[in-house]
Amino acid sequence: MNTGILIIAHAPLASALRASVLHVFPDAQAGLAALDVPANEAPEVTRANAQEMLASLGAPNTLVLTDVFGATPCNVAQKVIDGLQSKLVAGVNLPMLLRTVNYRHESLDILVARAMAGGMQSIMQVAVTAPQNQQRKINDQQHHDHSQ
């Protein structure tokens, strides 16, 4: 059986991440839940909603992903998974989530390692080609650069 995945994040990030993943993996719908935490919602309400969603996944193991360590979604998740066969990773991003869904058949410990690797490996500075190094169109003979 696949590991269940629950995203708990500030609204509307959790549902947006879930929708993005389902665009790539439409068959993952049953094992992937998202809980958006609205501004000013009482932590007790968030906790009750998270417990309900966790139970609805029906998976023996669950990976819970939150957006920001120390914020309400993460703090609630810590309390919800205490004593369960679940792991919690903060700092969710789309590449991390795509990797976890792709490998959700692996053990929970390996899935956590894959999630963290996927999240970190996707963060990089991307070089942008400077405009002066780009090729001009052949018909662009009238264009003159005035930069020195």
Protein backbone atom coordinates (compact mmCIF):
# COMPACT_ATOMS: atom_id res chain seq x y z
CA MET A 1 0.00 0.00 0.00
CA ASN A 2 1.18 3.51 -0.79
CA THR A 3 2.07 6.06 1.84
CA GLY A 4 -0.58 8.74 2.29
CA ILE A 5 0.49 12.33 1.78
CA LEU A 6 -1.12 15.24 3.60
CA ILE A 7 -0.16 18.83 2.81
CA ILE A 8 -0.95 21.36 5.53
CA ALA A 9 -0.13 24.94 4.55
CA HIS A 10 -1.32 28.52 4.68
CA ALA A 11 -4.32 29.06 2.39
CA PRO A 12 -4.40 28.57 -0.56
CA LEU A 13 -0.97 26.92 -0.92
CA ALA A 14 -1.92 23.37 0.11
CA SER A 15 -4.76 23.04 -2.38
CA ALA A 16 -2.73 24.75 -5.13
CA LEU A 17 0.13 22.28 -4.63
CA ARG A 18 -2.30 19.36 -4.68
CA ALA A 19 -3.91 20.61 -7.88
CA SER A 20 -0.49 20.97 -9.51
CA VAL A 21 0.48 17.43 -8.56
CA LEU A 22 -2.80 16.01 -9.83
CA HIS A 23 -2.11 17.69 -13.16
CA VAL A 24 0.99 15.47 -13.45
CA PHE A 25 -0.24 12.41 -11.52
CA PRO A 26 -4.06 12.28 -11.85
CA ASP A 27 -4.15 8.79 -10.35
CA ALA A 28 -2.74 10.10 -7.04
CA GLN A 29 -6.00 11.73 -5.98
CA ALA A 30 -6.99 9.12 -3.39
CA GLY A 31 -3.71 9.20 -1.48
CA LEU A 32 -3.11 12.95 -1.50
CA ALA A 33 -4.96 15.39 0.75
CA ALA A 34 -4.55 19.12 1.25
CA LEU A 35 -5.55 21.29 4.17
CA ASP A 36 -5.49 25.04 3.65
CA VAL A 37 -5.14 26.92 6.91
CA PRO A 38 -7.01 30.24 6.69
CA ALA A 39 -5.71 33.33 8.39
CA ASN A 40 -7.03 33.74 11.93
CA GLU A 41 -8.36 30.16 12.20
CA ALA A 42 -8.05 28.80 15.71
CA PRO A 43 -5.35 26.11 16.00
CA GLU A 44 -7.91 23.78 17.58
CA VAL A 45 -10.06 23.97 14.46
CA THR A 46 -7.05 23.37 12.22
CA ARG A 47 -6.05 20.41 14.38
CA ALA A 48 -9.51 18.83 14.17
CA ASN A 49 -9.56 19.29 10.39
CA ALA A 50 -6.06 17.80 10.07
CA GLN A 51 -6.99 14.76 12.17
CA GLU A 52 -10.08 14.21 10.02
CA MET A 53 -8.07 14.45 6.79
CA LEU A 54 -5.36 12.16 8.12
CA ALA A 55 -7.98 9.55 9.00
CA SER A 56 -9.67 9.92 5.61
CA LEU A 57 -6.44 8.96 3.83
CA GLY A 58 -6.78 5.49 5.34
CA ALA A 59 -3.07 4.79 4.89
CA PRO A 60 -1.02 2.95 7.51
CA ASN A 61 1.80 5.44 6.96
CA THR A 62 1.48 9.13 6.22
CA LEU A 63 3.94 11.79 5.18
CA VAL A 64 2.80 15.24 6.28
CA LEU A 65 4.30 18.21 4.44
CA THR A 66 3.99 21.77 5.73
CA ASP A 67 5.09 25.09 4.36
CA VAL A 68 6.93 26.91 7.16
CA PHE A 69 8.64 25.44 10.22
CA GLY A 70 7.32 27.04 13.40
CA ALA A 71 4.13 28.39 11.84
CA THR A 72 0.63 27.18 12.71
CA PRO A 73 0.40 24.48 10.00
CA CYS A 74 3.65 22.88 11.16
CA ASN A 75 2.85 23.22 14.85
CA VAL A 76 -0.55 21.61 14.35
CA ALA A 77 0.95 18.83 12.24
CA GLN A 78 3.45 18.01 15.00
CA LYS A 79 0.60 17.46 17.44
CA VAL A 80 -1.56 15.52 14.99
CA ILE A 81 1.08 12.94 14.03
CA ASP A 82 2.43 12.40 17.54
CA GLY A 83 2.30 8.67 18.22
CA LEU A 84 1.28 7.72 14.67
CA GLN A 85 3.18 6.01 11.86
CA SER A 86 3.80 9.37 10.25
CA LYS A 87 6.66 11.70 9.45
CA LEU A 88 6.66 15.47 9.09
CA VAL A 89 8.74 17.58 6.72
CA ALA A 90 8.55 21.39 6.63
CA GLY A 91 9.41 23.54 3.62
CA VAL A 92 7.23 21.89 1.00
CA ASN A 93 7.69 22.91 -2.60
CA LEU A 94 6.33 21.48 -5.83
CA PRO A 95 9.42 19.46 -6.84
CA MET A 96 9.49 17.89 -3.37
CA LEU A 97 5.84 16.97 -3.63
CA LEU A 98 6.18 15.55 -7.14
CA ARG A 99 9.01 13.33 -5.96
CA THR A 100 7.07 12.08 -2.93
CA VAL A 101 4.03 11.22 -5.04
CA ASN A 102 6.22 9.45 -7.58
CA TYR A 103 7.89 7.32 -4.88
CA ARG A 104 4.98 6.92 -2.43
CA HIS A 105 5.27 3.11 -2.70
CA GLU A 106 8.62 3.16 -0.84
CA SER A 107 9.05 2.99 2.93
CA LEU A 108 8.23 6.08 4.96
CA ASP A 109 11.89 6.68 5.94
CA ILE A 110 13.09 6.45 2.34
CA LEU A 111 10.22 8.68 1.23
CA VAL A 112 11.27 11.35 3.74
CA ALA A 113 14.83 11.23 2.38
CA ARG A 114 13.54 11.49 -1.20
CA ALA A 115 11.27 14.41 -0.27
CA MET A 116 14.09 16.35 1.33
CA ALA A 117 16.49 15.62 -1.53
CA GLY A 118 13.88 16.62 -4.11
CA GLY A 119 13.14 19.86 -2.33
CA MET A 120 16.76 20.87 -1.88
CA GLN A 121 17.95 19.77 -5.33
CA SER A 122 15.28 21.89 -6.98
CA ILE A 123 16.56 25.12 -5.46
CA MET A 124 19.18 26.71 -7.67
CA GLN A 125 20.24 29.97 -9.15
CA VAL A 126 19.50 30.01 -12.85
CA ALA A 127 21.84 31.91 -15.16
CA VAL A 128 20.13 34.23 -17.55
CA THR A 129 21.76 35.03 -20.84
CA ALA A 130 22.57 38.71 -21.04
CA PRO A 131 20.69 40.53 -23.85
CA GLN A 132 23.97 41.58 -25.50
CA ASN A 133 24.89 37.88 -25.87
CA GLN A 134 21.66 36.87 -27.56
CA GLN A 135 21.61 36.38 -31.30
CA ARG A 136 19.86 39.02 -33.33
CA LYS A 137 17.32 38.24 -35.96
CA ILE A 138 18.70 38.38 -39.49
CA ASN A 139 16.24 41.13 -40.43
CA ASP A 140 17.22 43.24 -37.43
CA GLN A 141 19.90 45.32 -39.20
CA GLN A 142 18.41 48.65 -38.12
CA HIS A 143 18.83 47.86 -34.39
CA HIS A 144 21.77 49.51 -32.62
CA ASP A 145 22.87 48.88 -29.06
CA HIS A 146 23.81 52.09 -27.28
CA SER A 147 25.23 50.43 -24.20
CA GLN A 148 28.95 50.86 -23.79
